[in-house]
Amino acid sequence: MIGLGLGVGVPIVLSVALLASSGDPVFVIFPLPFLGLVWAIQGLAPAGFTLEGRGVRIERRWLPRRLPYSAIRAVDRTPRPIGGLLALGLNGLFGSYGLRWNPRTGLHYLAITNTRDLVYLHTARGLVVISPSPPDEFVTELSARLARQQEDPA
């Protein structure tokens, strides 16, 4: 909530103050880039997770992603350190997403909406961390689908 206040509230208050002190209407558009940034961040944030016929769908308002079952090697809920250095993603009001690295887990991709329901997908390209709800049912169903995929790869 603090991030939203700083990202939106401060530019709007500053815009009003500059407009009031200078009278220049150009300051009315001052907060627009900040509002655009918040709009883009919320559009790319994870919003949910769905098991589809061909893979796990990471729901986002824009550009949803699908992780094919054939790329998932294993799934578990064993807690491990996530996040860390080289964060090439965002943390905040709309969840955490993007690439992360730390010495114990290595390079991993986060697409989480909360930190309670973490599910770890071991893929051909590395670890993907998601937060479906309810997580145990998700893992059970995904494990069954992965087992069927290995039995009948066609």
N, C-alpha and C. Protein backbone atom coordinates (compact mmCIF):
# COMPACT_ATOMS: atom_id res chain seq x y z
N MET A 1 0.82 -1.18 0.00
CA MET A 1 0.00 0.00 0.00
C MET A 1 0.87 1.26 0.00
N ILE A 2 2.01 1.18 0.69
CA ILE A 2 2.91 2.33 0.73
C ILE A 2 3.45 2.62 -0.67
N GLY A 3 3.78 1.56 -1.41
CA GLY A 3 4.28 1.74 -2.77
C GLY A 3 3.28 2.44 -3.67
N LEU A 4 2.00 2.06 -3.53
CA LEU A 4 0.96 2.70 -4.33
C LEU A 4 0.83 4.17 -3.94
N GLY A 5 0.92 4.44 -2.65
CA GLY A 5 0.85 5.82 -2.19
C GLY A 5 1.99 6.67 -2.72
N LEU A 6 3.19 6.08 -2.71
CA LEU A 6 4.35 6.82 -3.23
C LEU A 6 4.30 6.93 -4.74
N GLY A 7 3.89 5.87 -5.41
CA GLY A 7 3.90 5.86 -6.87
C GLY A 7 2.81 6.69 -7.50
N VAL A 8 1.70 6.86 -6.81
CA VAL A 8 0.57 7.61 -7.36
C VAL A 8 0.30 8.88 -6.57
N GLY A 9 0.24 8.75 -5.25
CA GLY A 9 -0.12 9.89 -4.41
C GLY A 9 0.87 11.04 -4.46
N VAL A 10 2.15 10.73 -4.35
CA VAL A 10 3.17 11.79 -4.34
C VAL A 10 3.17 12.58 -5.65
N PRO A 11 3.17 11.92 -6.83
CA PRO A 11 3.13 12.70 -8.07
C PRO A 11 1.87 13.58 -8.20
N ILE A 12 0.72 13.08 -7.73
CA ILE A 12 -0.50 13.88 -7.82
C ILE A 12 -0.42 15.09 -6.90
N VAL A 13 0.01 14.88 -5.65
CA VAL A 13 0.15 16.00 -4.71
C VAL A 13 1.17 17.01 -5.22
N LEU A 14 2.30 16.50 -5.73
CA LEU A 14 3.32 17.40 -6.28
C LEU A 14 2.78 18.17 -7.48
N SER A 15 2.00 17.51 -8.32
CA SER A 15 1.41 18.17 -9.48
C SER A 15 0.48 19.30 -9.06
N VAL A 16 -0.36 19.04 -8.06
CA VAL A 16 -1.28 20.07 -7.56
C VAL A 16 -0.50 21.23 -6.97
N ALA A 17 0.56 20.93 -6.20
CA ALA A 17 1.36 21.99 -5.58
C ALA A 17 2.06 22.83 -6.64
N LEU A 18 2.64 22.19 -7.66
CA LEU A 18 3.32 22.94 -8.71
C LEU A 18 2.33 23.77 -9.53
N LEU A 19 1.17 23.21 -9.81
CA LEU A 19 0.14 23.94 -10.55
C LEU A 19 -0.33 25.15 -9.75
N ALA A 20 -0.54 24.96 -8.44
CA ALA A 20 -1.01 26.06 -7.59
C ALA A 20 0.05 27.16 -7.46
N SER A 21 1.32 26.76 -7.37
CA SER A 21 2.36 27.77 -7.18
C SER A 21 2.75 28.48 -8.46
N SER A 22 2.69 27.79 -9.60
CA SER A 22 3.14 28.41 -10.84
C SER A 22 2.00 28.85 -11.74
N GLY A 23 0.86 28.19 -11.64
CA GLY A 23 -0.26 28.50 -12.53
C GLY A 23 -0.09 27.90 -13.92
N ASP A 24 0.99 27.16 -14.14
CA ASP A 24 1.26 26.57 -15.46
C ASP A 24 0.50 25.25 -15.59
N PRO A 25 -0.42 25.15 -16.56
CA PRO A 25 -1.22 23.92 -16.68
C PRO A 25 -0.42 22.70 -17.14
N VAL A 26 0.82 22.86 -17.54
CA VAL A 26 1.62 21.71 -17.94
C VAL A 26 1.81 20.74 -16.78
N PHE A 27 1.73 21.23 -15.55
CA PHE A 27 1.91 20.37 -14.39
C PHE A 27 0.73 19.43 -14.14
N VAL A 28 -0.38 19.65 -14.85
CA VAL A 28 -1.53 18.75 -14.73
C VAL A 28 -1.16 17.36 -15.25
N ILE A 29 -0.29 17.29 -16.26
CA ILE A 29 0.08 15.99 -16.84
C ILE A 29 1.27 15.34 -16.14
N PHE A 30 1.83 16.00 -15.15
CA PHE A 30 3.00 15.47 -14.45
C PHE A 30 2.80 14.05 -13.91
N PRO A 31 1.66 13.70 -13.28
CA PRO A 31 1.52 12.35 -12.71
C PRO A 31 1.22 11.25 -13.74
N LEU A 32 0.94 11.60 -14.98
CA LEU A 32 0.54 10.59 -15.97
C LEU A 32 1.57 9.49 -16.19
N PRO A 33 2.87 9.78 -16.31
CA PRO A 33 3.83 8.67 -16.46
C PRO A 33 3.83 7.71 -15.27
N PHE A 34 3.65 8.24 -14.06
CA PHE A 34 3.61 7.39 -12.87
C PHE A 34 2.36 6.53 -12.85
N LEU A 35 1.23 7.12 -13.24
CA LEU A 35 -0.01 6.35 -13.33
C LEU A 35 0.10 5.28 -14.41
N GLY A 36 0.76 5.60 -15.52
CA GLY A 36 0.98 4.62 -16.58
C GLY A 36 1.85 3.47 -16.12
N LEU A 37 2.85 3.76 -15.33
CA LEU A 37 3.73 2.72 -14.79
C LEU A 37 2.95 1.78 -13.86
N VAL A 38 2.13 2.32 -12.98
CA VAL A 38 1.32 1.50 -12.09
C VAL A 38 0.35 0.65 -12.90
N TRP A 39 -0.22 1.22 -13.96
CA TRP A 39 -1.14 0.50 -14.84
C TRP A 39 -0.42 -0.68 -15.51
N ALA A 40 0.81 -0.46 -15.98
CA ALA A 40 1.57 -1.53 -16.62
C ALA A 40 1.95 -2.62 -15.62
N ILE A 41 2.35 -2.23 -14.42
CA ILE A 41 2.74 -3.20 -13.40
C ILE A 41 1.56 -4.11 -13.04
N GLN A 42 0.39 -3.54 -12.86
CA GLN A 42 -0.76 -4.37 -12.50
C GLN A 42 -1.19 -5.25 -13.66
N GLY A 43 -0.97 -4.83 -14.88
CA GLY A 43 -1.35 -5.63 -16.04
C GLY A 43 -0.49 -6.86 -16.23
N LEU A 44 0.75 -6.82 -15.79
CA LEU A 44 1.67 -7.95 -15.94
C LEU A 44 1.80 -8.81 -14.69
N ALA A 45 1.15 -8.40 -13.62
CA ALA A 45 1.23 -9.14 -12.35
C ALA A 45 0.42 -10.43 -12.44
N PRO A 46 0.87 -11.48 -11.75
CA PRO A 46 0.10 -12.72 -11.74
C PRO A 46 -1.24 -12.51 -11.03
N ALA A 47 -2.28 -13.09 -11.63
CA ALA A 47 -3.62 -12.95 -11.05
C ALA A 47 -4.23 -14.29 -10.67
N GLY A 48 -3.64 -15.39 -11.12
CA GLY A 48 -4.17 -16.71 -10.80
C GLY A 48 -3.44 -17.77 -11.60
N PHE A 49 -3.79 -19.03 -11.34
CA PHE A 49 -3.11 -20.16 -11.97
C PHE A 49 -4.16 -21.21 -12.31
N THR A 50 -4.11 -21.70 -13.55
CA THR A 50 -5.11 -22.65 -14.04
C THR A 50 -4.42 -23.85 -14.66
N LEU A 51 -4.95 -25.04 -14.37
CA LEU A 51 -4.48 -26.24 -15.04
C LEU A 51 -5.32 -26.43 -16.29
N GLU A 52 -4.69 -26.28 -17.45
CA GLU A 52 -5.38 -26.43 -18.73
C GLU A 52 -5.05 -27.78 -19.33
N GLY A 53 -5.58 -28.05 -20.49
CA GLY A 53 -5.33 -29.31 -21.17
C GLY A 53 -3.87 -29.50 -21.56
N ARG A 54 -3.18 -28.41 -21.89
CA ARG A 54 -1.80 -28.53 -22.36
C ARG A 54 -0.75 -28.04 -21.38
N GLY A 55 -1.16 -27.41 -20.30
CA GLY A 55 -0.16 -26.92 -19.36
C GLY A 55 -0.74 -26.05 -18.26
N VAL A 56 0.15 -25.52 -17.44
CA VAL A 56 -0.22 -24.61 -16.35
C VAL A 56 -0.26 -23.20 -16.93
N ARG A 57 -1.38 -22.56 -16.76
CA ARG A 57 -1.53 -21.19 -17.27
C ARG A 57 -1.34 -20.22 -16.12
N ILE A 58 -0.41 -19.29 -16.29
CA ILE A 58 -0.21 -18.20 -15.34
C ILE A 58 -1.08 -17.06 -15.83
N GLU A 59 -2.16 -16.83 -15.10
CA GLU A 59 -3.12 -15.79 -15.49
C GLU A 59 -2.55 -14.42 -15.16
N ARG A 60 -2.60 -13.55 -16.16
CA ARG A 60 -2.25 -12.14 -15.97
C ARG A 60 -3.27 -11.33 -16.76
N ARG A 61 -3.45 -10.10 -16.41
CA ARG A 61 -4.41 -9.27 -17.13
C ARG A 61 -3.99 -9.12 -18.59
N TRP A 62 -2.69 -9.01 -18.80
CA TRP A 62 -2.13 -8.96 -20.16
C TRP A 62 -1.13 -10.09 -20.29
N LEU A 63 -0.98 -10.58 -21.47
CA LEU A 63 0.06 -11.56 -21.82
C LEU A 63 0.14 -12.74 -20.86
N PRO A 64 -0.94 -13.51 -20.72
CA PRO A 64 -0.84 -14.70 -19.86
C PRO A 64 0.20 -15.65 -20.42
N ARG A 65 0.77 -16.47 -19.56
CA ARG A 65 1.82 -17.42 -19.97
C ARG A 65 1.34 -18.83 -19.71
N ARG A 66 1.81 -19.75 -20.54
CA ARG A 66 1.51 -21.17 -20.34
C ARG A 66 2.81 -21.93 -20.22
N LEU A 67 2.88 -22.76 -19.20
CA LEU A 67 4.02 -23.63 -18.99
C LEU A 67 3.57 -25.04 -19.35
N PRO A 68 4.03 -25.59 -20.49
CA PRO A 68 3.56 -26.91 -20.93
C PRO A 68 3.91 -28.00 -19.92
N TYR A 69 3.03 -28.99 -19.79
CA TYR A 69 3.29 -30.10 -18.89
C TYR A 69 4.58 -30.82 -19.28
N SER A 70 4.89 -30.86 -20.57
CA SER A 70 6.11 -31.55 -21.02
C SER A 70 7.38 -30.87 -20.50
N ALA A 71 7.29 -29.61 -20.12
CA ALA A 71 8.47 -28.88 -19.61
C ALA A 71 8.62 -29.02 -18.10
N ILE A 72 7.58 -29.51 -17.42
CA ILE A 72 7.62 -29.63 -15.95
C ILE A 72 8.13 -31.02 -15.58
N ARG A 73 9.24 -31.05 -14.86
CA ARG A 73 9.84 -32.33 -14.44
C ARG A 73 9.29 -32.82 -13.12
N ALA A 74 9.02 -31.90 -12.20
CA ALA A 74 8.53 -32.28 -10.87
C ALA A 74 7.82 -31.08 -10.25
N VAL A 75 7.03 -31.35 -9.22
CA VAL A 75 6.32 -30.31 -8.48
C VAL A 75 6.39 -30.66 -7.00
N ASP A 76 6.58 -29.64 -6.14
CA ASP A 76 6.61 -29.89 -4.70
C ASP A 76 6.25 -28.63 -3.94
N ARG A 77 6.11 -28.78 -2.63
CA ARG A 77 5.81 -27.64 -1.75
C ARG A 77 6.87 -27.50 -0.67
N THR A 78 8.04 -28.10 -0.87
CA THR A 78 9.12 -28.02 0.12
C THR A 78 9.62 -26.58 0.20
N PRO A 79 9.51 -25.95 1.38
CA PRO A 79 9.97 -24.56 1.50
C PRO A 79 11.45 -24.42 1.20
N ARG A 80 11.80 -23.36 0.53
CA ARG A 80 13.19 -23.05 0.22
C ARG A 80 13.30 -21.54 0.05
N PRO A 81 14.51 -21.01 0.15
CA PRO A 81 14.66 -19.55 -0.01
C PRO A 81 14.37 -19.14 -1.45
N ILE A 82 13.61 -18.08 -1.58
CA ILE A 82 13.33 -17.52 -2.91
C ILE A 82 13.65 -16.04 -2.87
N GLY A 83 13.63 -15.43 -4.02
CA GLY A 83 13.97 -14.02 -4.09
C GLY A 83 15.47 -13.84 -3.95
N GLY A 84 15.90 -12.62 -3.78
CA GLY A 84 17.31 -12.38 -3.57
C GLY A 84 17.88 -11.38 -4.55
N LEU A 85 19.15 -11.58 -4.89
CA LEU A 85 19.88 -10.65 -5.73
C LEU A 85 19.44 -10.72 -7.18
N LEU A 86 19.84 -9.74 -7.93
CA LEU A 86 19.57 -9.66 -9.36
C LEU A 86 18.08 -9.77 -9.66
N ALA A 87 17.27 -9.11 -8.85
CA ALA A 87 15.83 -9.15 -9.06
C ALA A 87 15.48 -8.40 -10.33
N LEU A 88 15.06 -9.13 -11.33
CA LEU A 88 14.64 -8.53 -12.60
C LEU A 88 13.13 -8.57 -12.70
N GLY A 89 12.49 -8.27 -11.62
CA GLY A 89 11.04 -8.29 -11.59
C GLY A 89 10.56 -7.30 -10.56
N LEU A 90 9.32 -7.43 -10.18
CA LEU A 90 8.72 -6.47 -9.27
C LEU A 90 8.13 -7.16 -8.06
N ASN A 91 8.22 -6.49 -6.93
CA ASN A 91 7.60 -6.92 -5.69
C ASN A 91 6.66 -5.81 -5.26
N GLY A 92 5.52 -6.15 -4.77
CA GLY A 92 4.68 -5.08 -4.27
C GLY A 92 3.22 -5.43 -4.17
N LEU A 93 2.42 -4.42 -4.34
CA LEU A 93 0.99 -4.49 -4.15
C LEU A 93 0.33 -5.55 -5.02
N PHE A 94 0.85 -5.78 -6.20
CA PHE A 94 0.23 -6.70 -7.15
C PHE A 94 0.92 -8.06 -7.19
N GLY A 95 1.71 -8.41 -6.20
CA GLY A 95 2.42 -9.68 -6.16
C GLY A 95 3.88 -9.50 -6.51
N SER A 96 4.58 -10.63 -6.64
CA SER A 96 6.00 -10.62 -7.01
C SER A 96 6.16 -11.46 -8.26
N TYR A 97 6.88 -10.94 -9.21
CA TYR A 97 7.11 -11.70 -10.42
C TYR A 97 8.41 -11.27 -11.07
N GLY A 98 8.98 -12.20 -11.83
CA GLY A 98 10.23 -11.94 -12.53
C GLY A 98 11.33 -12.88 -12.08
N LEU A 99 12.48 -12.76 -12.72
CA LEU A 99 13.63 -13.59 -12.40
C LEU A 99 14.28 -13.15 -11.09
N ARG A 100 14.76 -14.13 -10.34
CA ARG A 100 15.49 -13.88 -9.09
C ARG A 100 16.67 -14.84 -9.02
N TRP A 101 17.62 -14.52 -8.17
CA TRP A 101 18.76 -15.40 -7.94
C TRP A 101 19.18 -15.27 -6.50
N ASN A 102 19.47 -16.41 -5.88
CA ASN A 102 20.15 -16.40 -4.59
C ASN A 102 21.05 -17.62 -4.55
N PRO A 103 22.07 -17.62 -3.68
CA PRO A 103 23.08 -18.68 -3.70
C PRO A 103 22.54 -20.08 -3.40
N ARG A 104 21.49 -20.20 -2.59
CA ARG A 104 20.99 -21.52 -2.23
C ARG A 104 20.03 -22.11 -3.26
N THR A 105 19.23 -21.28 -3.89
CA THR A 105 18.23 -21.77 -4.84
C THR A 105 18.70 -21.60 -6.28
N GLY A 106 19.58 -20.66 -6.52
CA GLY A 106 20.01 -20.37 -7.88
C GLY A 106 19.01 -19.48 -8.59
N LEU A 107 19.05 -19.50 -9.91
CA LEU A 107 18.15 -18.68 -10.72
C LEU A 107 16.76 -19.31 -10.72
N HIS A 108 15.75 -18.51 -10.45
CA HIS A 108 14.38 -18.98 -10.44
C HIS A 108 13.45 -17.86 -10.86
N TYR A 109 12.25 -18.25 -11.30
CA TYR A 109 11.25 -17.28 -11.75
C TYR A 109 10.10 -17.29 -10.76
N LEU A 110 9.73 -16.11 -10.28
CA LEU A 110 8.60 -15.96 -9.37
C LEU A 110 7.38 -15.46 -10.13
N ALA A 111 6.25 -16.03 -9.82
CA ALA A 111 4.96 -15.52 -10.28
C ALA A 111 4.00 -15.79 -9.13
N ILE A 112 4.12 -14.99 -8.07
CA ILE A 112 3.35 -15.28 -6.86
C ILE A 112 2.47 -14.10 -6.47
N THR A 113 1.33 -14.45 -5.89
CA THR A 113 0.42 -13.43 -5.39
C THR A 113 0.47 -13.34 -3.87
N ASN A 114 1.01 -14.39 -3.23
CA ASN A 114 1.19 -14.38 -1.78
C ASN A 114 2.34 -15.32 -1.44
N THR A 115 2.81 -15.28 -0.21
CA THR A 115 3.95 -16.12 0.18
C THR A 115 3.55 -17.32 1.02
N ARG A 116 2.26 -17.55 1.22
CA ARG A 116 1.78 -18.69 2.01
C ARG A 116 1.58 -19.95 1.17
N ASP A 117 1.14 -19.81 -0.06
CA ASP A 117 0.71 -20.94 -0.88
C ASP A 117 1.72 -21.31 -1.96
N LEU A 118 3.00 -21.31 -1.64
CA LEU A 118 4.01 -21.50 -2.68
C LEU A 118 4.07 -22.95 -3.17
N VAL A 119 4.16 -23.07 -4.48
CA VAL A 119 4.34 -24.35 -5.17
C VAL A 119 5.54 -24.19 -6.08
N TYR A 120 6.43 -25.18 -6.05
CA TYR A 120 7.69 -25.12 -6.80
C TYR A 120 7.61 -26.07 -7.98
N LEU A 121 7.74 -25.52 -9.18
CA LEU A 121 7.73 -26.31 -10.40
C LEU A 121 9.17 -26.42 -10.91
N HIS A 122 9.67 -27.64 -10.99
CA HIS A 122 11.02 -27.88 -11.51
C HIS A 122 10.86 -28.11 -13.01
N THR A 123 11.42 -27.21 -13.81
CA THR A 123 11.25 -27.29 -15.25
C THR A 123 12.60 -27.51 -15.93
N ALA A 124 12.54 -27.73 -17.23
CA ALA A 124 13.76 -27.90 -18.02
C ALA A 124 14.62 -26.64 -17.98
N ARG A 125 14.02 -25.49 -17.76
CA ARG A 125 14.76 -24.22 -17.75
C ARG A 125 15.03 -23.69 -16.35
N GLY A 126 14.67 -24.44 -15.31
CA GLY A 126 14.92 -24.00 -13.95
C GLY A 126 13.67 -24.01 -13.10
N LEU A 127 13.77 -23.43 -11.94
CA LEU A 127 12.69 -23.43 -10.96
C LEU A 127 11.71 -22.30 -11.25
N VAL A 128 10.42 -22.62 -11.20
CA VAL A 128 9.36 -21.62 -11.31
C VAL A 128 8.53 -21.73 -10.03
N VAL A 129 8.32 -20.59 -9.37
CA VAL A 129 7.57 -20.57 -8.11
C VAL A 129 6.25 -19.86 -8.36
N ILE A 130 5.14 -20.55 -8.05
CA ILE A 130 3.82 -19.97 -8.20
C ILE A 130 3.08 -20.08 -6.87
N SER A 131 1.92 -19.43 -6.76
CA SER A 131 1.16 -19.48 -5.51
C SER A 131 -0.33 -19.71 -5.78
N PRO A 132 -0.66 -20.92 -6.25
CA PRO A 132 -2.08 -21.21 -6.48
C PRO A 132 -2.83 -21.38 -5.16
N SER A 133 -4.13 -21.21 -5.23
CA SER A 133 -4.93 -21.39 -4.02
C SER A 133 -6.12 -22.25 -4.37
N PRO A 134 -6.35 -23.33 -3.71
CA PRO A 134 -5.60 -23.96 -2.62
C PRO A 134 -4.41 -24.74 -3.16
N PRO A 135 -3.24 -24.62 -2.56
CA PRO A 135 -2.02 -25.19 -3.12
C PRO A 135 -1.95 -26.72 -3.09
N ASP A 136 -2.44 -27.35 -2.02
CA ASP A 136 -2.33 -28.81 -1.93
C ASP A 136 -3.15 -29.51 -3.01
N GLU A 137 -4.36 -29.02 -3.26
CA GLU A 137 -5.19 -29.59 -4.31
C GLU A 137 -4.56 -29.37 -5.68
N PHE A 138 -3.96 -28.20 -5.86
CA PHE A 138 -3.29 -27.88 -7.12
C PHE A 138 -2.15 -28.87 -7.37
N VAL A 139 -1.32 -29.11 -6.34
CA VAL A 139 -0.19 -30.04 -6.47
C VAL A 139 -0.69 -31.46 -6.76
N THR A 140 -1.74 -31.88 -6.08
CA THR A 140 -2.29 -33.22 -6.31
C THR A 140 -2.76 -33.38 -7.75
N GLU A 141 -3.53 -32.42 -8.24
CA GLU A 141 -4.04 -32.51 -9.61
C GLU A 141 -2.92 -32.38 -10.64
N LEU A 142 -1.97 -31.48 -10.40
CA LEU A 142 -0.85 -31.33 -11.33
C LEU A 142 0.00 -32.59 -11.36
N SER A 143 0.25 -33.19 -10.21
CA SER A 143 1.03 -34.43 -10.17
C SER A 143 0.34 -35.53 -10.96
N ALA A 144 -0.98 -35.62 -10.84
CA ALA A 144 -1.74 -36.63 -11.60
C ALA A 144 -1.63 -36.36 -13.10
N ARG A 145 -1.72 -35.11 -13.50
CA ARG A 145 -1.61 -34.77 -14.92
C ARG A 145 -0.20 -35.05 -15.45
N LEU A 146 0.81 -34.77 -14.64
CA LEU A 146 2.19 -35.05 -15.06
C LEU A 146 2.41 -36.55 -15.20
N ALA A 147 1.83 -37.35 -14.30
CA ALA A 147 1.96 -38.81 -14.38
C ALA A 147 1.29 -39.33 -15.65
N ARG A 148 0.10 -38.79 -15.96
CA ARG A 148 -0.57 -39.20 -17.20
C ARG A 148 0.23 -38.79 -18.43
N GLN A 149 0.86 -37.62 -18.36
CA GLN A 149 1.66 -37.11 -19.48
C GLN A 149 2.85 -38.04 -19.73
N GLN A 150 3.46 -38.55 -18.67
CA GLN A 150 4.61 -39.45 -18.82
C GLN A 150 4.18 -40.81 -19.34
N GLU A 151 2.97 -41.25 -18.96
CA GLU A 151 2.46 -42.55 -19.44
C GLU A 151 2.08 -42.47 -20.91
N ASP A 152 1.48 -41.35 -21.31
CA ASP A 152 0.99 -41.18 -22.69
C ASP A 152 1.46 -39.84 -23.22
N PRO A 153 2.70 -39.74 -23.72
CA PRO A 153 3.24 -38.45 -24.16
C PRO A 153 2.58 -37.90 -25.42
N ALA A 154 1.73 -38.62 -26.09
CA ALA A 154 1.11 -38.14 -27.34
C ALA A 154 0.03 -37.17 -27.11
